[in-house]
Amino acid sequence: MGRDLFVAVFATAVGFALSGILTNFYRLLVRKPETGFERGTHFAVMVLAGPNVLIENAAAKLKAKACSRCAFWLATAIAAYWSFAIGLFVLNLYVVFKGP
């Protein structure tokens, strides 16, 4: 059970780290989306960058007293699960490409 818990925590950390890296890299390179293609690209990137953006927005709203603690923790739980799914995908890619 300890190994499974470690893999789950590691996958969540990998997913959240990838989300943060992609979010900041995207913000450095891309201006605000205006055309249809840019909006489509934005939504495609947000599939992987979403957990980081969700936590940033929830923390800002909590700090501004614009949402409850319950809403903040719900957003945190959703971001953690989203990060877990991304992390499992990345770890699966690692296992597939690592080879025998």
Protein backbone atom coordinates (compact mmCIF):
# COMPACT_ATOMS: atom_id res chain seq x y z
CA MET A 1 0.00 0.00 0.00
CA GLY A 2 2.90 2.35 0.71
CA ARG A 3 4.23 1.98 -2.82
CA ASP A 4 0.82 2.77 -4.32
CA LEU A 5 0.48 5.86 -2.16
CA PHE A 6 3.96 6.98 -3.19
CA VAL A 7 3.11 6.54 -6.89
CA ALA A 8 -0.13 8.51 -6.43
CA VAL A 9 1.61 11.39 -4.65
CA PHE A 10 4.46 11.35 -7.18
CA ALA A 11 2.03 11.36 -10.13
CA THR A 12 0.16 14.30 -8.61
CA ALA A 13 3.41 16.21 -8.10
CA VAL A 14 4.59 15.46 -11.65
CA GLY A 15 1.25 16.60 -13.07
CA PHE A 16 1.20 19.81 -11.08
CA ALA A 17 4.83 20.58 -11.93
CA LEU A 18 4.18 20.02 -15.63
CA SER A 19 1.10 22.21 -15.37
CA GLY A 20 3.08 25.04 -13.76
CA ILE A 21 5.92 24.83 -16.26
CA LEU A 22 3.53 24.84 -19.21
CA THR A 23 1.45 27.68 -17.75
CA ASN A 24 4.42 29.98 -17.24
CA PHE A 25 6.03 29.08 -20.56
CA TYR A 26 2.75 29.78 -22.36
CA ARG A 27 2.37 33.14 -20.62
CA LEU A 28 5.89 34.12 -21.63
CA LEU A 29 5.44 33.33 -25.31
CA VAL A 30 1.83 34.04 -26.17
CA ARG A 31 -0.19 37.22 -26.11
CA LYS A 32 -3.91 37.30 -25.31
CA PRO A 33 -5.79 35.06 -27.79
CA GLU A 34 -7.83 37.03 -30.32
CA THR A 35 -8.34 34.86 -33.41
CA GLY A 36 -10.15 31.55 -33.57
CA PHE A 37 -6.93 29.58 -33.97
CA GLU A 38 -5.32 31.35 -31.01
CA ARG A 39 -8.38 30.63 -28.84
CA GLY A 40 -8.31 26.98 -29.90
CA THR A 41 -4.63 26.76 -29.04
CA HIS A 42 -5.33 28.44 -25.71
CA PHE A 43 -7.97 25.86 -24.81
CA ALA A 44 -5.70 23.00 -25.91
CA VAL A 45 -2.88 24.28 -23.69
CA MET A 46 -5.28 24.79 -20.77
CA VAL A 47 -6.05 21.05 -20.78
CA LEU A 48 -2.55 20.54 -19.35
CA ALA A 49 -2.06 23.93 -17.68
CA GLY A 50 -5.46 23.98 -16.00
CA PRO A 51 -4.57 22.76 -12.50
CA ASN A 52 -2.06 25.55 -11.97
CA VAL A 53 -4.42 28.21 -13.32
CA LEU A 54 -7.27 26.87 -11.18
CA ILE A 55 -5.20 27.03 -7.99
CA GLU A 56 -3.93 30.55 -8.84
CA ASN A 57 -7.47 31.83 -9.42
CA ALA A 58 -8.86 30.12 -6.31
CA ALA A 59 -6.06 31.50 -4.13
CA ALA A 60 -6.60 35.02 -5.48
CA LYS A 61 -10.36 34.80 -4.85
CA LEU A 62 -9.79 33.48 -1.32
CA LYS A 63 -7.34 36.28 -0.58
CA ALA A 64 -9.83 38.86 -1.88
CA LYS A 65 -12.57 37.22 0.22
CA ALA A 66 -14.56 36.58 -2.99
CA CYS A 67 -15.08 32.88 -2.25
CA SER A 68 -15.47 30.65 0.78
CA ARG A 69 -12.86 28.31 2.20
CA CYS A 70 -15.05 25.41 1.13
CA ALA A 71 -14.98 26.60 -2.50
CA PHE A 72 -11.21 27.04 -2.29
CA TRP A 73 -10.69 23.49 -1.00
CA LEU A 74 -13.06 22.12 -3.61
CA ALA A 75 -11.00 23.84 -6.32
CA THR A 76 -7.85 22.46 -4.70
CA ALA A 77 -9.26 18.92 -4.73
CA ILE A 78 -10.25 19.24 -8.39
CA ALA A 79 -6.81 20.58 -9.29
CA ALA A 80 -5.15 17.73 -7.37
CA TYR A 81 -7.19 15.11 -9.19
CA TRP A 82 -6.54 16.83 -12.52
CA SER A 83 -2.81 16.90 -11.73
CA PHE A 84 -2.97 13.22 -10.78
CA ALA A 85 -4.49 12.35 -14.16
CA ILE A 86 -1.84 14.37 -16.02
CA GLY A 87 0.90 12.81 -13.92
CA LEU A 88 -0.33 9.27 -14.60
CA PHE A 89 -0.33 10.06 -18.32
CA VAL A 90 3.26 11.34 -18.14
CA LEU A 91 4.40 8.33 -16.10
CA ASN A 92 2.66 6.03 -18.59
CA LEU A 93 4.55 7.71 -21.44
CA TYR A 94 7.78 7.20 -19.51
CA VAL A 95 7.08 3.49 -19.06
CA VAL A 96 6.14 3.05 -22.72
CA PHE A 97 9.18 4.86 -24.12
CA LYS A 98 11.64 3.52 -21.58
CA GLY A 99 11.52 0.11 -23.23
CA PRO A 100 12.43 -3.28 -21.79
